[in-house]
Amino acid sequence: EAIAALSPVTPENIGHGAGGHVAQLTPPDTYRGPWRKGEKGLADKYAADADRAIAELDQAGFGTACFMIDTSFCSDGIPDVPKGYLKKVAAKVRAAGGMIIGDEVQYGFGRPGTHMWGFEYHGMKPDIVTIGKPVGDGFPLGVVVTSREILNAFTEATGLFSTFGGNPVACAAGLAVLDVIENENLLEHCRITSEHMKAGLRELMERHECIGDVRGHGFVTGVEIVSNRETRTPDADTMVAIMNRMRELGVLTGREGHDGNVFKIRPPMVFSRDNADTLITAMDQAMSEM
């Protein structure tokens, strides 16, 4: 944290907050945000916050260099992002002279099910894409994808050099992962299995009042735990208790959201219907014991 404190772009959750060089957007949370599911113009309403952020950077004398976005929105609690939201934000940023950086570490490589990449699902094309984690399927590998024009400009400005960039063993691992995704039709598998899993989670919602919402797309699913469905009061304590009981039952899940009350269900691409049923059974048992 002492080193992180020196950076003007330290993310908020590290403890020092973002400096004046960074303007953060309000997450497009259509469950508990200011504008909710069923309302008209959700994409426009949430995208308008980009105008505020751009103005703040202009007033601070920085201008807008880029917009960085994790297309899965996992850290924000996996909200149901309004259709067209990212496309509208990207247009505003580009009009202000900035580029779009899409982080596909969590959502990329087929996890949306319907698309290979999260930015495709959102209908937005970034200028730079960062890829990691699943690209090597356990092998340490990260990738930056961009245009030759951008890379040449960056190289001229910085003298870019990488000792291990383009490592042939790492590249072989990445290519093997792409082959498996294509040959085993894992995108379609993800789409079908995730629909089955989400249907099971929604059945649990009918029986357990602590579930306030089930949302997400493909193999990135969120289950929000609340103490009251009407007030949508977040209940992190109950969520943690359920998560720990599921762990005892042999099922591991993640925890996300501003209030720490959202299950992050982001299984591997080979996750099967039987695996999904095991998860749902464990969650059902854990909730029934609360």
C-alpha atoms as a PDB file:
ATOM      1  CA  GLU A   1       0.000   0.000   0.000  1.00  0.00           C
ATOM      2  CA  ALA A   2       2.925   2.350   0.628  1.00  0.00           C
ATOM      3  CA  ILE A   3       4.007   1.932  -2.990  1.00  0.00           C
ATOM      4  CA  ALA A   4       0.423   2.142  -4.242  1.00  0.00           C
ATOM      5  CA  ALA A   5       0.015   5.466  -2.444  1.00  0.00           C
ATOM      6  CA  LEU A   6       2.571   7.005  -4.807  1.00  0.00           C
ATOM      7  CA  SER A   7       0.407   6.341  -7.849  1.00  0.00           C
ATOM      8  CA  PRO A   8      -2.192   8.879  -8.972  1.00  0.00           C
ATOM      9  CA  VAL A   9      -4.216   6.062 -10.530  1.00  0.00           C
ATOM     10  CA  THR A  10      -4.505   3.802  -7.474  1.00  0.00           C
ATOM     11  CA  PRO A  11      -7.901   2.073  -7.557  1.00  0.00           C
ATOM     12  CA  GLU A  12     -10.334   2.908  -4.797  1.00  0.00           C
ATOM     13  CA  ASN A  13     -10.437  -0.556  -3.245  1.00  0.00           C
ATOM     14  CA  ILE A  14      -6.703  -0.511  -2.443  1.00  0.00           C
ATOM     15  CA  GLY A  15      -7.396   2.126   0.153  1.00  0.00           C
ATOM     16  CA  HIS A  16      -6.043   5.414  -1.171  1.00  0.00           C
ATOM     17  CA  GLY A  17      -8.684   6.301  -3.730  1.00  0.00           C
ATOM     18  CA  ALA A  18      -8.165   7.570  -7.231  1.00  0.00           C
ATOM     19  CA  GLY A  19      -6.329  10.834  -7.771  1.00  0.00           C
ATOM     20  CA  GLY A  20      -7.378  13.711  -9.991  1.00  0.00           C
ATOM     21  CA  HIS A  21      -6.023  11.904 -13.030  1.00  0.00           C
ATOM     22  CA  VAL A  22      -8.884   9.384 -12.808  1.00  0.00           C
ATOM     23  CA  ALA A  23     -12.647   9.907 -12.955  1.00  0.00           C
ATOM     24  CA  GLN A  24     -14.804   6.920 -12.089  1.00  0.00           C
ATOM     25  CA  LEU A  25     -18.207   6.190 -13.598  1.00  0.00           C
ATOM     26  CA  THR A  26     -21.266   5.148 -11.627  1.00  0.00           C
ATOM     27  CA  PRO A  27     -21.826   1.423 -12.329  1.00  0.00           C
ATOM     28  CA  PRO A  28     -24.938   0.768 -14.447  1.00  0.00           C
ATOM     29  CA  ASP A  29     -26.630  -1.136 -11.615  1.00  0.00           C
ATOM     30  CA  THR A  30     -30.217  -1.653 -12.716  1.00  0.00           C
ATOM     31  CA  TYR A  31     -31.097  -3.539  -9.514  1.00  0.00           C
ATOM     32  CA  ARG A  32     -30.275  -1.003  -6.798  1.00  0.00           C
ATOM     33  CA  GLY A  33     -28.968   1.979  -8.767  1.00  0.00           C
ATOM     34  CA  PRO A  34     -30.819   5.273  -9.384  1.00  0.00           C
ATOM     35  CA  TRP A  35     -32.476   3.844 -12.532  1.00  0.00           C
ATOM     36  CA  ARG A  36     -33.810   0.303 -12.484  1.00  0.00           C
ATOM     37  CA  LYS A  37     -35.062  -2.535 -14.669  1.00  0.00           C
ATOM     38  CA  GLY A  38     -38.275  -1.690 -16.448  1.00  0.00           C
ATOM     39  CA  GLU A  39     -37.540   2.013 -16.823  1.00  0.00           C
ATOM     40  CA  LYS A  40     -37.081   3.521 -20.272  1.00  0.00           C
ATOM     41  CA  GLY A  41     -33.809   4.949 -21.525  1.00  0.00           C
ATOM     42  CA  LEU A  42     -31.575   3.115 -19.048  1.00  0.00           C
ATOM     43  CA  ALA A  43     -28.543   3.066 -21.352  1.00  0.00           C
ATOM     44  CA  ASP A  44     -28.760   6.814 -21.983  1.00  0.00           C
ATOM     45  CA  LYS A  45     -29.301   7.632 -18.305  1.00  0.00           C
ATOM     46  CA  TYR A  46     -26.283   5.683 -17.076  1.00  0.00           C
ATOM     47  CA  ALA A  47     -24.071   6.651 -20.024  1.00  0.00           C
ATOM     48  CA  ALA A  48     -24.698  10.333 -19.245  1.00  0.00           C
ATOM     49  CA  ASP A  49     -22.344   9.938 -16.276  1.00  0.00           C
ATOM     50  CA  ALA A  50     -19.502   9.813 -18.797  1.00  0.00           C
ATOM     51  CA  ASP A  51     -20.259  13.455 -19.639  1.00  0.00           C
ATOM     52  CA  ARG A  52     -19.707  14.345 -15.985  1.00  0.00           C
ATOM     53  CA  ALA A  53     -16.431  12.398 -15.815  1.00  0.00           C
ATOM     54  CA  ILE A  54     -15.111  13.933 -19.032  1.00  0.00           C
ATOM     55  CA  ALA A  55     -15.979  17.421 -17.775  1.00  0.00           C
ATOM     56  CA  GLU A  56     -14.162  16.771 -14.475  1.00  0.00           C
ATOM     57  CA  LEU A  57     -10.989  15.727 -16.286  1.00  0.00           C
ATOM     58  CA  ASP A  58     -11.207  18.758 -18.564  1.00  0.00           C
ATOM     59  CA  GLN A  59     -11.663  21.111 -15.609  1.00  0.00           C
ATOM     60  CA  ALA A  60      -8.661  19.523 -13.871  1.00  0.00           C
ATOM     61  CA  GLY A  61      -6.571  20.239 -16.949  1.00  0.00           C
ATOM     62  CA  PHE A  62      -5.944  16.598 -17.857  1.00  0.00           C
ATOM     63  CA  GLY A  63      -8.386  15.902 -20.665  1.00  0.00           C
ATOM     64  CA  THR A  64      -9.569  12.387 -21.488  1.00  0.00           C
ATOM     65  CA  ALA A  65      -6.893   9.868 -22.470  1.00  0.00           C
ATOM     66  CA  CYS A  66      -8.866   6.646 -22.281  1.00  0.00           C
ATOM     67  CA  PHE A  67     -11.766   4.730 -20.793  1.00  0.00           C
ATOM     68  CA  MET A  68     -10.848   1.423 -19.108  1.00  0.00           C
ATOM     69  CA  ILE A  69     -13.601  -1.125 -18.570  1.00  0.00           C
ATOM     70  CA  ASP A  70     -13.876  -4.708 -17.356  1.00  0.00           C
ATOM     71  CA  THR A  71     -16.601  -5.911 -19.707  1.00  0.00           C
ATOM     72  CA  SER A  72     -17.865  -8.462 -17.152  1.00  0.00           C
ATOM     73  CA  PHE A  73     -18.583  -5.771 -14.514  1.00  0.00           C
ATOM     74  CA  CYS A  74     -17.746  -8.461 -11.921  1.00  0.00           C
ATOM     75  CA  SER A  75     -16.394  -6.113  -9.261  1.00  0.00           C
ATOM     76  CA  ASP A  76     -19.586  -4.057  -9.504  1.00  0.00           C
ATOM     77  CA  GLY A  77     -21.713  -7.054  -8.566  1.00  0.00           C
ATOM     78  CA  ILE A  78     -22.376  -8.328 -12.104  1.00  0.00           C
ATOM     79  CA  PRO A  79     -25.226  -5.913 -12.874  1.00  0.00           C
ATOM     80  CA  ASP A  80     -27.572  -6.428 -15.811  1.00  0.00           C
ATOM     81  CA  VAL A  81     -25.991  -3.744 -17.978  1.00  0.00           C
ATOM     82  CA  PRO A  82     -28.500  -1.914 -20.209  1.00  0.00           C
ATOM     83  CA  LYS A  83     -28.169  -2.819 -23.874  1.00  0.00           C
ATOM     84  CA  GLY A  84     -26.118  -0.218 -25.692  1.00  0.00           C
ATOM     85  CA  TYR A  85     -24.633   1.334 -22.542  1.00  0.00           C
ATOM     86  CA  LEU A  86     -20.967   0.654 -23.339  1.00  0.00           C
ATOM     87  CA  LYS A  87     -21.422   1.654 -26.966  1.00  0.00           C
ATOM     88  CA  LYS A  88     -22.801   5.030 -25.867  1.00  0.00           C
ATOM     89  CA  VAL A  89     -20.020   5.599 -23.326  1.00  0.00           C
ATOM     90  CA  ALA A  90     -17.389   4.690 -25.923  1.00  0.00           C
ATOM     91  CA  ALA A  91     -18.826   7.230 -28.359  1.00  0.00           C
ATOM     92  CA  LYS A  92     -18.632   9.984 -25.728  1.00  0.00           C
ATOM     93  CA  VAL A  93     -15.041   9.109 -24.823  1.00  0.00           C
ATOM     94  CA  ARG A  94     -13.914   9.031 -28.442  1.00  0.00           C
ATOM     95  CA  ALA A  95     -15.615  12.366 -29.081  1.00  0.00           C
ATOM     96  CA  ALA A  96     -13.521  13.746 -26.196  1.00  0.00           C
ATOM     97  CA  GLY A  97     -10.332  12.417 -27.796  1.00  0.00           C
ATOM     98  CA  GLY A  98      -9.899   9.278 -25.702  1.00  0.00           C
ATOM     99  CA  MET A  99      -9.382   5.610 -26.545  1.00  0.00           C
ATOM    100  CA  ILE A 100     -11.236   2.558 -25.242  1.00  0.00           C
ATOM    101  CA  ILE A 101      -9.392  -0.179 -23.337  1.00  0.00           C
ATOM    102  CA  GLY A 102     -11.436  -3.340 -22.862  1.00  0.00           C
ATOM    103  CA  ASP A 103     -10.308  -5.698 -20.088  1.00  0.00           C
ATOM    104  CA  GLU A 104     -11.308  -9.232 -21.100  1.00  0.00           C
ATOM    105  CA  VAL A 105      -9.436 -11.056 -18.332  1.00  0.00           C
ATOM    106  CA  GLN A 106     -12.671 -12.216 -16.679  1.00  0.00           C
ATOM    107  CA  TYR A 107     -15.147 -12.304 -19.566  1.00  0.00           C
ATOM    108  CA  GLY A 108     -13.040 -13.174 -22.600  1.00  0.00           C
ATOM    109  CA  PHE A 109     -12.420 -16.500 -24.327  1.00  0.00           C
ATOM    110  CA  GLY A 110     -16.052 -17.505 -24.693  1.00  0.00           C
ATOM    111  CA  ARG A 111     -17.443 -16.894 -21.237  1.00  0.00           C
ATOM    112  CA  PRO A 112     -20.435 -14.864 -22.520  1.00  0.00           C
ATOM    113  CA  GLY A 113     -21.526 -18.021 -24.354  1.00  0.00           C
ATOM    114  CA  THR A 114     -23.157 -16.073 -27.158  1.00  0.00           C
ATOM    115  CA  HIS A 115     -19.883 -14.327 -28.053  1.00  0.00           C
ATOM    116  CA  MET A 116     -16.155 -14.899 -27.757  1.00  0.00           C
ATOM    117  CA  TRP A 117     -15.581 -11.542 -26.065  1.00  0.00           C
ATOM    118  CA  GLY A 118     -17.456  -9.345 -23.636  1.00  0.00           C
ATOM    119  CA  PHE A 119     -17.050  -6.289 -25.832  1.00  0.00           C
ATOM    120  CA  GLU A 120     -18.812  -8.175 -28.653  1.00  0.00           C
ATOM    121  CA  TYR A 121     -21.699  -8.982 -26.343  1.00  0.00           C
ATOM    122  CA  HIS A 122     -21.981  -5.295 -25.461  1.00  0.00           C
ATOM    123  CA  GLY A 123     -21.740  -4.227 -29.121  1.00  0.00           C
ATOM    124  CA  MET A 124     -18.628  -2.113 -28.568  1.00  0.00           C
ATOM    125  CA  LYS A 125     -15.205  -2.334 -30.237  1.00  0.00           C
ATOM    126  CA  PRO A 126     -12.236  -1.248 -28.056  1.00  0.00           C
ATOM    127  CA  ASP A 127      -9.000   0.258 -29.343  1.00  0.00           C
ATOM    128  CA  ILE A 128      -6.950  -1.916 -26.984  1.00  0.00           C
ATOM    129  CA  VAL A 129      -7.903  -5.278 -25.449  1.00  0.00           C
ATOM    130  CA  THR A 130      -6.157  -6.889 -22.473  1.00  0.00           C
ATOM    131  CA  ILE A 131      -6.393 -10.654 -22.028  1.00  0.00           C
ATOM    132  CA  GLY A 132      -5.177 -12.918 -19.233  1.00  0.00           C
ATOM    133  CA  LYS A 133      -5.977 -15.884 -16.961  1.00  0.00           C
ATOM    134  CA  PRO A 134      -8.035 -18.209 -19.239  1.00  0.00           C
ATOM    135  CA  VAL A 135      -5.856 -17.438 -22.272  1.00  0.00           C
ATOM    136  CA  GLY A 136      -3.221 -19.852 -20.937  1.00  0.00           C
ATOM    137  CA  ASP A 137      -5.522 -22.232 -19.034  1.00  0.00           C
ATOM    138  CA  GLY A 138      -3.165 -22.235 -16.056  1.00  0.00           C
ATOM    139  CA  PHE A 139      -0.014 -21.296 -17.940  1.00  0.00           C
ATOM    140  CA  PRO A 140       1.161 -17.743 -17.070  1.00  0.00           C
ATOM    141  CA  LEU A 141       0.236 -15.777 -20.175  1.00  0.00           C
ATOM    142  CA  GLY A 142      -1.106 -12.306 -20.842  1.00  0.00           C
ATOM    143  CA  VAL A 143      -1.905 -10.617 -24.133  1.00  0.00           C
ATOM    144  CA  VAL A 144      -2.434  -7.058 -25.317  1.00  0.00           C
ATOM    145  CA  VAL A 145      -4.246  -6.698 -28.639  1.00  0.00           C
ATOM    146  CA  THR A 146      -4.346  -3.401 -30.508  1.00  0.00           C
ATOM    147  CA  SER A 147      -3.858  -1.839 -33.926  1.00  0.00           C
ATOM    148  CA  ARG A 148      -0.469  -1.448 -35.568  1.00  0.00           C
ATOM    149  CA  GLU A 149      -1.016   2.324 -35.583  1.00  0.00           C
ATOM    150  CA  ILE A 150      -1.463   2.499 -31.802  1.00  0.00           C
ATOM    151  CA  LEU A 151       1.410   0.108 -31.100  1.00  0.00           C
ATOM    152  CA  ASN A 152       3.797   2.021 -33.352  1.00  0.00           C
ATOM    153  CA  ALA A 153       2.887   5.318 -31.686  1.00  0.00           C
ATOM    154  CA  PHE A 154       3.383   3.791 -28.236  1.00  0.00           C
ATOM    155  CA  THR A 155       6.734   2.284 -29.209  1.00  0.00           C
ATOM    156  CA  GLU A 156       7.992   5.581 -30.622  1.00  0.00           C
ATOM    157  CA  ALA A 157       6.950   7.429 -27.465  1.00  0.00           C
ATOM    158  CA  THR A 158       8.246   4.938 -24.885  1.00  0.00           C
ATOM    159  CA  GLY A 159      10.855   2.725 -26.536  1.00  0.00           C
ATOM    160  CA  LEU A 160       8.741  -0.333 -25.720  1.00  0.00           C
ATOM    161  CA  PHE A 161      10.810  -3.474 -25.139  1.00  0.00           C
ATOM    162  CA  SER A 162       9.881  -6.847 -23.644  1.00  0.00           C
ATOM    163  CA  THR A 163      12.409  -9.524 -22.717  1.00  0.00           C
ATOM    164  CA  PHE A 164       9.869 -12.339 -22.631  1.00  0.00           C
ATOM    165  CA  GLY A 165       7.226 -10.951 -24.987  1.00  0.00           C
ATOM    166  CA  GLY A 166       6.199 -13.451 -27.639  1.00  0.00           C
ATOM    167  CA  ASN A 167       7.595 -16.409 -25.688  1.00  0.00           C
ATOM    168  CA  PRO A 168       7.040 -19.426 -27.995  1.00  0.00           C
ATOM    169  CA  VAL A 169       5.998 -21.805 -25.201  1.00  0.00           C
ATOM    170  CA  ALA A 170       3.448 -19.306 -23.893  1.00  0.00           C
ATOM    171  CA  CYS A 171       2.129 -18.725 -27.409  1.00  0.00           C
ATOM    172  CA  ALA A 172       1.798 -22.486 -27.941  1.00  0.00           C
ATOM    173  CA  ALA A 173      -0.285 -22.733 -24.764  1.00  0.00           C
ATOM    174  CA  GLY A 174      -2.548 -19.907 -25.915  1.00  0.00           C
ATOM    175  CA  LEU A 175      -3.034 -21.442 -29.352  1.00  0.00           C
ATOM    176  CA  ALA A 176      -3.869 -24.811 -27.770  1.00  0.00           C
ATOM    177  CA  VAL A 177      -6.570 -23.156 -25.663  1.00  0.00           C
ATOM    178  CA  LEU A 178      -8.091 -21.578 -28.779  1.00  0.00           C
ATOM    179  CA  ASP A 179      -8.072 -24.979 -30.507  1.00  0.00           C
ATOM    180  CA  VAL A 180      -9.931 -26.623 -27.621  1.00  0.00           C
ATOM    181  CA  ILE A 181     -12.532 -23.830 -27.461  1.00  0.00           C
ATOM    182  CA  GLU A 182     -13.207 -24.254 -31.183  1.00  0.00           C
ATOM    183  CA  ASN A 183     -12.937 -28.037 -31.496  1.00  0.00           C
ATOM    184  CA  GLU A 184     -15.081 -28.782 -28.437  1.00  0.00           C
ATOM    185  CA  ASN A 185     -17.633 -26.071 -29.265  1.00  0.00           C
ATOM    186  CA  LEU A 186     -17.273 -24.582 -25.793  1.00  0.00           C
ATOM    187  CA  LEU A 187     -19.152 -21.369 -26.572  1.00  0.00           C
ATOM    188  CA  GLU A 188     -22.328 -23.301 -27.326  1.00  0.00           C
ATOM    189  CA  HIS A 189     -21.673 -25.510 -24.305  1.00  0.00           C
ATOM    190  CA  CYS A 190     -21.355 -22.395 -22.147  1.00  0.00           C
ATOM    191  CA  ARG A 191     -24.566 -20.898 -23.519  1.00  0.00           C
ATOM    192  CA  ILE A 192     -26.654 -24.028 -22.952  1.00  0.00           C
ATOM    193  CA  THR A 193     -25.198 -24.902 -19.539  1.00  0.00           C
ATOM    194  CA  SER A 194     -25.432 -21.339 -18.217  1.00  0.00           C
ATOM    195  CA  GLU A 195     -29.103 -21.144 -19.192  1.00  0.00           C
ATOM    196  CA  HIS A 196     -29.730 -24.383 -17.298  1.00  0.00           C
ATOM    197  CA  MET A 197     -27.846 -23.074 -14.264  1.00  0.00           C
ATOM    198  CA  LYS A 198     -29.637 -19.734 -14.249  1.00  0.00           C
ATOM    199  CA  ALA A 199     -33.019 -21.465 -14.482  1.00  0.00           C
ATOM    200  CA  GLY A 200     -32.097 -23.511 -11.415  1.00  0.00           C
ATOM    201  CA  LEU A 201     -30.976 -20.419  -9.521  1.00  0.00           C
ATOM    202  CA  ARG A 202     -34.257 -18.675 -10.329  1.00  0.00           C
ATOM    203  CA  GLU A 203     -36.133 -21.677  -8.950  1.00  0.00           C
ATOM    204  CA  LEU A 204     -34.159 -21.223  -5.734  1.00  0.00           C
ATOM    205  CA  MET A 205     -35.204 -17.571  -5.708  1.00  0.00           C
ATOM    206  CA  GLU A 206     -38.851 -18.655  -5.639  1.00  0.00           C
ATOM    207  CA  ARG A 207     -38.201 -20.634  -2.445  1.00  0.00           C
ATOM    208  CA  HIS A 208     -35.623 -18.528  -0.624  1.00  0.00           C
ATOM    209  CA  GLU A 209     -36.495 -14.946   0.331  1.00  0.00           C
ATOM    210  CA  CYS A 210     -32.829 -14.101   0.879  1.00  0.00           C
ATOM    211  CA  ILE A 211     -32.241 -14.092  -2.894  1.00  0.00           C
ATOM    212  CA  GLY A 212     -32.993 -10.617  -4.165  1.00  0.00           C
ATOM    213  CA  ASP A 213     -31.851 -11.040  -7.749  1.00  0.00           C
ATOM    214  CA  VAL A 214     -30.329 -13.523 -10.191  1.00  0.00           C
ATOM    215  CA  ARG A 215     -28.537 -11.939 -13.123  1.00  0.00           C
ATOM    216  CA  GLY A 216     -25.648 -12.103 -15.551  1.00  0.00           C
ATOM    217  CA  HIS A 217     -24.917 -13.669 -18.904  1.00  0.00           C
ATOM    218  CA  GLY A 218     -23.167 -16.900 -19.777  1.00  0.00           C
ATOM    219  CA  PHE A 219     -20.661 -18.178 -17.240  1.00  0.00           C
ATOM    220  CA  VAL A 220     -20.639 -14.899 -15.311  1.00  0.00           C
ATOM    221  CA  THR A 221     -23.665 -15.020 -13.024  1.00  0.00           C
ATOM    222  CA  GLY A 222     -24.525 -13.006  -9.932  1.00  0.00           C
ATOM    223  CA  VAL A 223     -26.866 -13.948  -7.086  1.00  0.00           C
ATOM    224  CA  GLU A 224     -27.620 -11.020  -4.778  1.00  0.00           C
ATOM    225  CA  ILE A 225     -28.401 -11.778  -1.130  1.00  0.00           C
ATOM    226  CA  VAL A 226     -30.683  -9.368   0.741  1.00  0.00           C
ATOM    227  CA  SER A 227     -32.405  -9.194   4.114  1.00  0.00           C
ATOM    228  CA  ASN A 228     -35.546  -7.668   2.598  1.00  0.00           C
ATOM    229  CA  ARG A 229     -36.643  -7.946  -1.014  1.00  0.00           C
ATOM    230  CA  GLU A 230     -38.824  -4.857  -0.863  1.00  0.00           C
ATOM    231  CA  THR A 231     -36.084  -2.553   0.436  1.00  0.00           C
ATOM    232  CA  ARG A 232     -33.333  -4.555  -1.315  1.00  0.00           C
ATOM    233  CA  THR A 233     -31.191  -4.244   1.812  1.00  0.00           C
ATOM    234  CA  PRO A 234     -27.841  -5.982   1.156  1.00  0.00           C
ATOM    235  CA  ASP A 235     -27.036  -8.831   3.560  1.00  0.00           C
ATOM    236  CA  ALA A 236     -23.325  -9.605   3.408  1.00  0.00           C
ATOM    237  CA  ASP A 237     -23.344 -11.617   6.650  1.00  0.00           C
ATOM    238  CA  THR A 238     -25.897 -14.100   5.347  1.00  0.00           C
ATOM    239  CA  MET A 239     -24.116 -14.265   2.013  1.00  0.00           C
ATOM    240  CA  VAL A 240     -20.818 -15.179   3.696  1.00  0.00           C
ATOM    241  CA  ALA A 241     -22.540 -17.772   5.886  1.00  0.00           C
ATOM    242  CA  ILE A 242     -24.102 -19.405   2.827  1.00  0.00           C
ATOM    243  CA  MET A 243     -20.810 -19.271   0.924  1.00  0.00           C
ATOM    244  CA  ASN A 244     -18.898 -20.896   3.787  1.00  0.00           C
ATOM    245  CA  ARG A 245     -21.506 -23.647   4.153  1.00  0.00           C
ATOM    246  CA  MET A 246     -21.315 -24.315   0.409  1.00  0.00           C
ATOM    247  CA  ARG A 247     -17.551 -24.610   0.759  1.00  0.00           C
ATOM    248  CA  GLU A 248     -18.072 -27.269   3.431  1.00  0.00           C
ATOM    249  CA  LEU A 249     -20.343 -29.047   0.955  1.00  0.00           C
ATOM    250  CA  GLY A 250     -17.577 -29.003  -1.654  1.00  0.00           C
ATOM    251  CA  VAL A 251     -18.647 -26.033  -3.796  1.00  0.00           C
ATOM    252  CA  LEU A 252     -16.514 -22.894  -4.118  1.00  0.00           C
ATOM    253  CA  THR A 253     -17.944 -19.546  -5.219  1.00  0.00           C
ATOM    254  CA  GLY A 254     -16.752 -15.936  -5.284  1.00  0.00           C
ATOM    255  CA  ARG A 255     -17.987 -12.787  -3.593  1.00  0.00           C
ATOM    256  CA  GLU A 256     -18.458  -9.430  -5.302  1.00  0.00           C
ATOM    257  CA  GLY A 257     -20.377  -6.166  -5.219  1.00  0.00           C
ATOM    258  CA  HIS A 258     -19.970  -2.868  -3.410  1.00  0.00           C
ATOM    259  CA  ASP A 259     -21.606  -4.344  -0.300  1.00  0.00           C
ATOM    260  CA  GLY A 260     -19.992  -7.781  -0.578  1.00  0.00           C
ATOM    261  CA  ASN A 261     -23.362  -9.530  -0.820  1.00  0.00           C
ATOM    262  CA  VAL A 262     -23.309 -10.913  -4.371  1.00  0.00           C
ATOM    263  CA  PHE A 263     -22.293 -14.446  -5.292  1.00  0.00           C
ATOM    264  CA  LYS A 264     -19.949 -14.470  -8.264  1.00  0.00           C
ATOM    265  CA  ILE A 265     -20.455 -17.705 -10.161  1.00  0.00           C
ATOM    266  CA  ARG A 266     -17.771 -17.815 -12.855  1.00  0.00           C
ATOM    267  CA  PRO A 267     -17.035 -21.497 -13.517  1.00  0.00           C
ATOM    268  CA  PRO A 268     -14.538 -22.957 -16.003  1.00  0.00           C
ATOM    269  CA  MET A 269     -15.697 -23.422 -19.579  1.00  0.00           C
ATOM    270  CA  VAL A 270     -15.958 -27.209 -19.116  1.00  0.00           C
ATOM    271  CA  PHE A 271     -18.542 -26.742 -16.326  1.00  0.00           C
ATOM    272  CA  SER A 272     -21.297 -29.305 -16.977  1.00  0.00           C
ATOM    273  CA  ARG A 273     -25.026 -29.579 -16.260  1.00  0.00           C
ATOM    274  CA  ASP A 274     -24.179 -32.042 -13.487  1.00  0.00           C
ATOM    275  CA  ASN A 275     -21.740 -29.508 -12.017  1.00  0.00           C
ATOM    276  CA  ALA A 276     -24.450 -26.848 -12.193  1.00  0.00           C
ATOM    277  CA  ASP A 277     -26.907 -29.149 -10.419  1.00  0.00           C
ATOM    278  CA  THR A 278     -24.318 -29.811  -7.700  1.00  0.00           C
ATOM    279  CA  LEU A 279     -23.880 -26.066  -7.182  1.00  0.00           C
ATOM    280  CA  ILE A 280     -27.630 -25.438  -7.023  1.00  0.00           C
ATOM    281  CA  THR A 281     -28.175 -28.332  -4.600  1.00  0.00           C
ATOM    282  CA  ALA A 282     -25.417 -27.063  -2.302  1.00  0.00           C
ATOM    283  CA  MET A 283     -26.776 -23.504  -2.374  1.00  0.00           C
ATOM    284  CA  ASP A 284     -30.290 -24.786  -1.678  1.00  0.00           C
ATOM    285  CA  GLN A 285     -29.091 -26.819   1.305  1.00  0.00           C
ATOM    286  CA  ALA A 286     -26.996 -23.973   2.686  1.00  0.00           C
ATOM    287  CA  MET A 287     -29.895 -21.524   2.432  1.00  0.00           C
ATOM    288  CA  SER A 288     -32.339 -23.993   3.956  1.00  0.00           C
ATOM    289  CA  GLU A 289     -30.055 -24.350   6.979  1.00  0.00           C
ATOM    290  CA  MET A 290     -29.851 -20.604   7.616  1.00  0.00           C
END
